[in-house]
């Protein structure tokens, strides 16, 4: 696995732990279909949440969520629709973005999180 993929998987593991601490249950990681991939799918009593994880060293150039543009949002919506067609759920779907800032990369002891709930409709 190349370094970029390894760091990405590390960020997704951090995100899964973040949501576990918030009392969300992990439903799936790295769900993919021909339309795209969803980093995490988590749920609580009200929502099934499709999460885009954005890991960066800093926000000095741009906030990580800014990389979830309209095109990416459409791909996430379509991928989530496929998942929902294959997995019955009475929960309200929601799209969240979790920004993780790790200045020292995988050596960062305490990454900073910015959770954007209902990031796009």
C-alpha atoms as a PDB file:
ATOM      1  CA  UNK A   1       0.000   0.000   0.000  1.00  0.00           C
ATOM      2  CA  UNK A   2       1.438   3.369  -0.938  1.00  0.00           C
ATOM      3  CA  UNK A   3       1.927   6.105   1.673  1.00  0.00           C
ATOM      4  CA  UNK A   4      -1.063   8.142   0.564  1.00  0.00           C
ATOM      5  CA  UNK A   5      -3.446   5.208   0.902  1.00  0.00           C
ATOM      6  CA  UNK A   6      -1.946   4.291   4.265  1.00  0.00           C
ATOM      7  CA  UNK A   7      -2.451   7.841   5.558  1.00  0.00           C
ATOM      8  CA  UNK A   8      -6.002   7.838   4.156  1.00  0.00           C
ATOM      9  CA  UNK A   9      -6.835   4.592   5.964  1.00  0.00           C
ATOM     10  CA  UNK A  10      -5.345   6.051   9.152  1.00  0.00           C
ATOM     11  CA  UNK A  11      -7.602   9.107   8.807  1.00  0.00           C
ATOM     12  CA  UNK A  12     -10.647   6.905   8.263  1.00  0.00           C
ATOM     13  CA  UNK A  13      -9.756   4.886  11.375  1.00  0.00           C
ATOM     14  CA  UNK A  14      -9.517   8.155  13.344  1.00  0.00           C
ATOM     15  CA  UNK A  15     -12.926   9.149  11.981  1.00  0.00           C
ATOM     16  CA  UNK A  16     -14.473   5.806  12.937  1.00  0.00           C
ATOM     17  CA  UNK A  17     -13.180   6.240  16.487  1.00  0.00           C
ATOM     18  CA  UNK A  18     -14.442   9.847  16.564  1.00  0.00           C
ATOM     19  CA  UNK A  19     -17.969   8.696  15.700  1.00  0.00           C
ATOM     20  CA  UNK A  20     -17.820   5.779  18.118  1.00  0.00           C
ATOM     21  CA  UNK A  21     -17.101   8.249  20.912  1.00  0.00           C
ATOM     22  CA  UNK A  22     -20.117  10.278  19.748  1.00  0.00           C
ATOM     23  CA  UNK A  23     -22.239   7.117  20.163  1.00  0.00           C
ATOM     24  CA  UNK A  24     -22.657   6.368  16.476  1.00  0.00           C
ATOM     25  CA  UNK A  25     -22.486   2.779  15.305  1.00  0.00           C
ATOM     26  CA  UNK A  26     -20.181   1.997  12.392  1.00  0.00           C
ATOM     27  CA  UNK A  27     -22.184   0.423   9.584  1.00  0.00           C
ATOM     28  CA  UNK A  28     -19.569   0.343   6.806  1.00  0.00           C
ATOM     29  CA  UNK A  29     -16.131   1.645   5.870  1.00  0.00           C
ATOM     30  CA  UNK A  30     -15.044   2.333   2.314  1.00  0.00           C
ATOM     31  CA  UNK A  31     -18.306   1.324   0.700  1.00  0.00           C
ATOM     32  CA  UNK A  32     -17.842   1.483  -3.047  1.00  0.00           C
ATOM     33  CA  UNK A  33     -19.816   0.890  -6.173  1.00  0.00           C
ATOM     34  CA  UNK A  34     -19.315   1.912  -9.791  1.00  0.00           C
ATOM     35  CA  UNK A  35     -20.356   5.489  -8.980  1.00  0.00           C
ATOM     36  CA  UNK A  36     -17.888   6.178  -6.187  1.00  0.00           C
ATOM     37  CA  UNK A  37     -16.883   5.508  -2.610  1.00  0.00           C
ATOM     38  CA  UNK A  38     -18.197   6.566   0.777  1.00  0.00           C
ATOM     39  CA  UNK A  39     -15.536   6.686   3.482  1.00  0.00           C
ATOM     40  CA  UNK A  40     -17.807   5.868   6.434  1.00  0.00           C
ATOM     41  CA  UNK A  41     -21.427   5.018   6.983  1.00  0.00           C
ATOM     42  CA  UNK A  42     -22.518   5.443  10.596  1.00  0.00           C
ATOM     43  CA  UNK A  43     -25.851   5.571  12.352  1.00  0.00           C
ATOM     44  CA  UNK A  44     -27.514   6.697  15.523  1.00  0.00           C
ATOM     45  CA  UNK A  45     -31.179   6.477  16.514  1.00  0.00           C
ATOM     46  CA  UNK A  46     -32.303   9.125  14.011  1.00  0.00           C
ATOM     47  CA  UNK A  47     -29.851   9.159  11.115  1.00  0.00           C
ATOM     48  CA  UNK A  48     -27.943   7.003   8.720  1.00  0.00           C
ATOM     49  CA  UNK A  49     -24.944   9.217   7.997  1.00  0.00           C
ATOM     50  CA  UNK A  50     -22.746   9.090   4.906  1.00  0.00           C
ATOM     51  CA  UNK A  51     -19.433  10.618   5.908  1.00  0.00           C
ATOM     52  CA  UNK A  52     -16.732  12.104   3.721  1.00  0.00           C
ATOM     53  CA  UNK A  53     -13.456  12.197   5.664  1.00  0.00           C
ATOM     54  CA  UNK A  54     -10.951  14.901   4.727  1.00  0.00           C
ATOM     55  CA  UNK A  55      -7.518  14.638   6.317  1.00  0.00           C
ATOM     56  CA  UNK A  56      -5.063  17.512   5.954  1.00  0.00           C
ATOM     57  CA  UNK A  57      -2.008  18.869   7.730  1.00  0.00           C
ATOM     58  CA  UNK A  58      -3.521  22.348   8.003  1.00  0.00           C
ATOM     59  CA  UNK A  59      -6.188  24.640   6.652  1.00  0.00           C
ATOM     60  CA  UNK A  60      -3.713  27.350   5.632  1.00  0.00           C
ATOM     61  CA  UNK A  61      -4.476  26.895   1.918  1.00  0.00           C
ATOM     62  CA  UNK A  62      -8.165  25.983   2.195  1.00  0.00           C
ATOM     63  CA  UNK A  63     -10.462  24.207   4.578  1.00  0.00           C
ATOM     64  CA  UNK A  64     -10.602  20.495   3.872  1.00  0.00           C
ATOM     65  CA  UNK A  65     -14.377  20.554   3.291  1.00  0.00           C
ATOM     66  CA  UNK A  66     -13.887  22.901   0.346  1.00  0.00           C
ATOM     67  CA  UNK A  67     -12.610  19.889  -1.604  1.00  0.00           C
ATOM     68  CA  UNK A  68     -16.092  18.374  -1.457  1.00  0.00           C
ATOM     69  CA  UNK A  69     -17.320  20.265  -4.486  1.00  0.00           C
ATOM     70  CA  UNK A  70     -20.642  19.948  -6.311  1.00  0.00           C
ATOM     71  CA  UNK A  71     -19.332  17.112  -8.508  1.00  0.00           C
ATOM     72  CA  UNK A  72     -18.134  15.140  -5.447  1.00  0.00           C
ATOM     73  CA  UNK A  73     -21.449  15.772  -3.692  1.00  0.00           C
ATOM     74  CA  UNK A  74     -23.364  14.347  -6.655  1.00  0.00           C
ATOM     75  CA  UNK A  75     -21.171  11.240  -6.681  1.00  0.00           C
ATOM     76  CA  UNK A  76     -21.726  10.791  -2.935  1.00  0.00           C
ATOM     77  CA  UNK A  77     -25.506  11.173  -3.342  1.00  0.00           C
ATOM     78  CA  UNK A  78     -25.587   8.600  -6.129  1.00  0.00           C
ATOM     79  CA  UNK A  79     -23.384   6.162  -4.198  1.00  0.00           C
ATOM     80  CA  UNK A  80     -25.536   6.602  -1.084  1.00  0.00           C
ATOM     81  CA  UNK A  81     -28.656   5.899  -3.171  1.00  0.00           C
ATOM     82  CA  UNK A  82     -27.127   2.630  -4.333  1.00  0.00           C
ATOM     83  CA  UNK A  83     -26.266   1.682  -0.730  1.00  0.00           C
ATOM     84  CA  UNK A  84     -29.796   2.543   0.440  1.00  0.00           C
ATOM     85  CA  UNK A  85     -31.306   0.433  -2.354  1.00  0.00           C
ATOM     86  CA  UNK A  86     -29.279  -2.544  -1.093  1.00  0.00           C
ATOM     87  CA  UNK A  87     -29.726  -1.935   2.653  1.00  0.00           C
ATOM     88  CA  UNK A  88     -33.127  -1.268   4.153  1.00  0.00           C
ATOM     89  CA  UNK A  89     -33.193   1.584   6.662  1.00  0.00           C
ATOM     90  CA  UNK A  90     -35.975   3.640   8.230  1.00  0.00           C
ATOM     91  CA  UNK A  91     -33.468   6.257   9.365  1.00  0.00           C
ATOM     92  CA  UNK A  92     -33.192   9.724   7.851  1.00  0.00           C
ATOM     93  CA  UNK A  93     -30.162   9.921   5.541  1.00  0.00           C
ATOM     94  CA  UNK A  94     -27.653  12.717   6.091  1.00  0.00           C
ATOM     95  CA  UNK A  95     -24.331  13.735   4.543  1.00  0.00           C
ATOM     96  CA  UNK A  96     -21.561  14.887   6.883  1.00  0.00           C
ATOM     97  CA  UNK A  97     -17.974  15.960   6.330  1.00  0.00           C
ATOM     98  CA  UNK A  98     -15.379  15.306   9.008  1.00  0.00           C
ATOM     99  CA  UNK A  99     -12.265  17.430   8.633  1.00  0.00           C
ATOM    100  CA  UNK A 100      -9.230  16.070  10.455  1.00  0.00           C
ATOM    101  CA  UNK A 101      -6.137  18.232  10.836  1.00  0.00           C
ATOM    102  CA  UNK A 102      -2.933  16.377  11.688  1.00  0.00           C
ATOM    103  CA  UNK A 103       0.063  18.775  11.427  1.00  0.00           C
ATOM    104  CA  UNK A 104       2.655  16.024  11.954  1.00  0.00           C
ATOM    105  CA  UNK A 105       0.895  13.486   9.772  1.00  0.00           C
ATOM    106  CA  UNK A 106       0.571  10.061  11.351  1.00  0.00           C
ATOM    107  CA  UNK A 107       2.862  11.229  14.158  1.00  0.00           C
ATOM    108  CA  UNK A 108       0.242  13.727  15.340  1.00  0.00           C
ATOM    109  CA  UNK A 109      -0.744  12.901  18.919  1.00  0.00           C
ATOM    110  CA  UNK A 110      -3.958  14.935  19.082  1.00  0.00           C
ATOM    111  CA  UNK A 111      -5.490  15.649  15.691  1.00  0.00           C
ATOM    112  CA  UNK A 112      -8.068  18.421  15.529  1.00  0.00           C
ATOM    113  CA  UNK A 113     -11.555  17.610  14.273  1.00  0.00           C
ATOM    114  CA  UNK A 114     -14.152  19.766  12.599  1.00  0.00           C
ATOM    115  CA  UNK A 115     -17.443  17.932  12.156  1.00  0.00           C
ATOM    116  CA  UNK A 116     -19.830  19.442   9.633  1.00  0.00           C
ATOM    117  CA  UNK A 117     -23.243  17.873  10.092  1.00  0.00           C
ATOM    118  CA  UNK A 118     -25.696  17.972   7.202  1.00  0.00           C
ATOM    119  CA  UNK A 119     -22.910  19.387   5.035  1.00  0.00           C
ATOM    120  CA  UNK A 120     -25.047  19.383   1.908  1.00  0.00           C
ATOM    121  CA  UNK A 121     -28.625  18.497   0.964  1.00  0.00           C
END
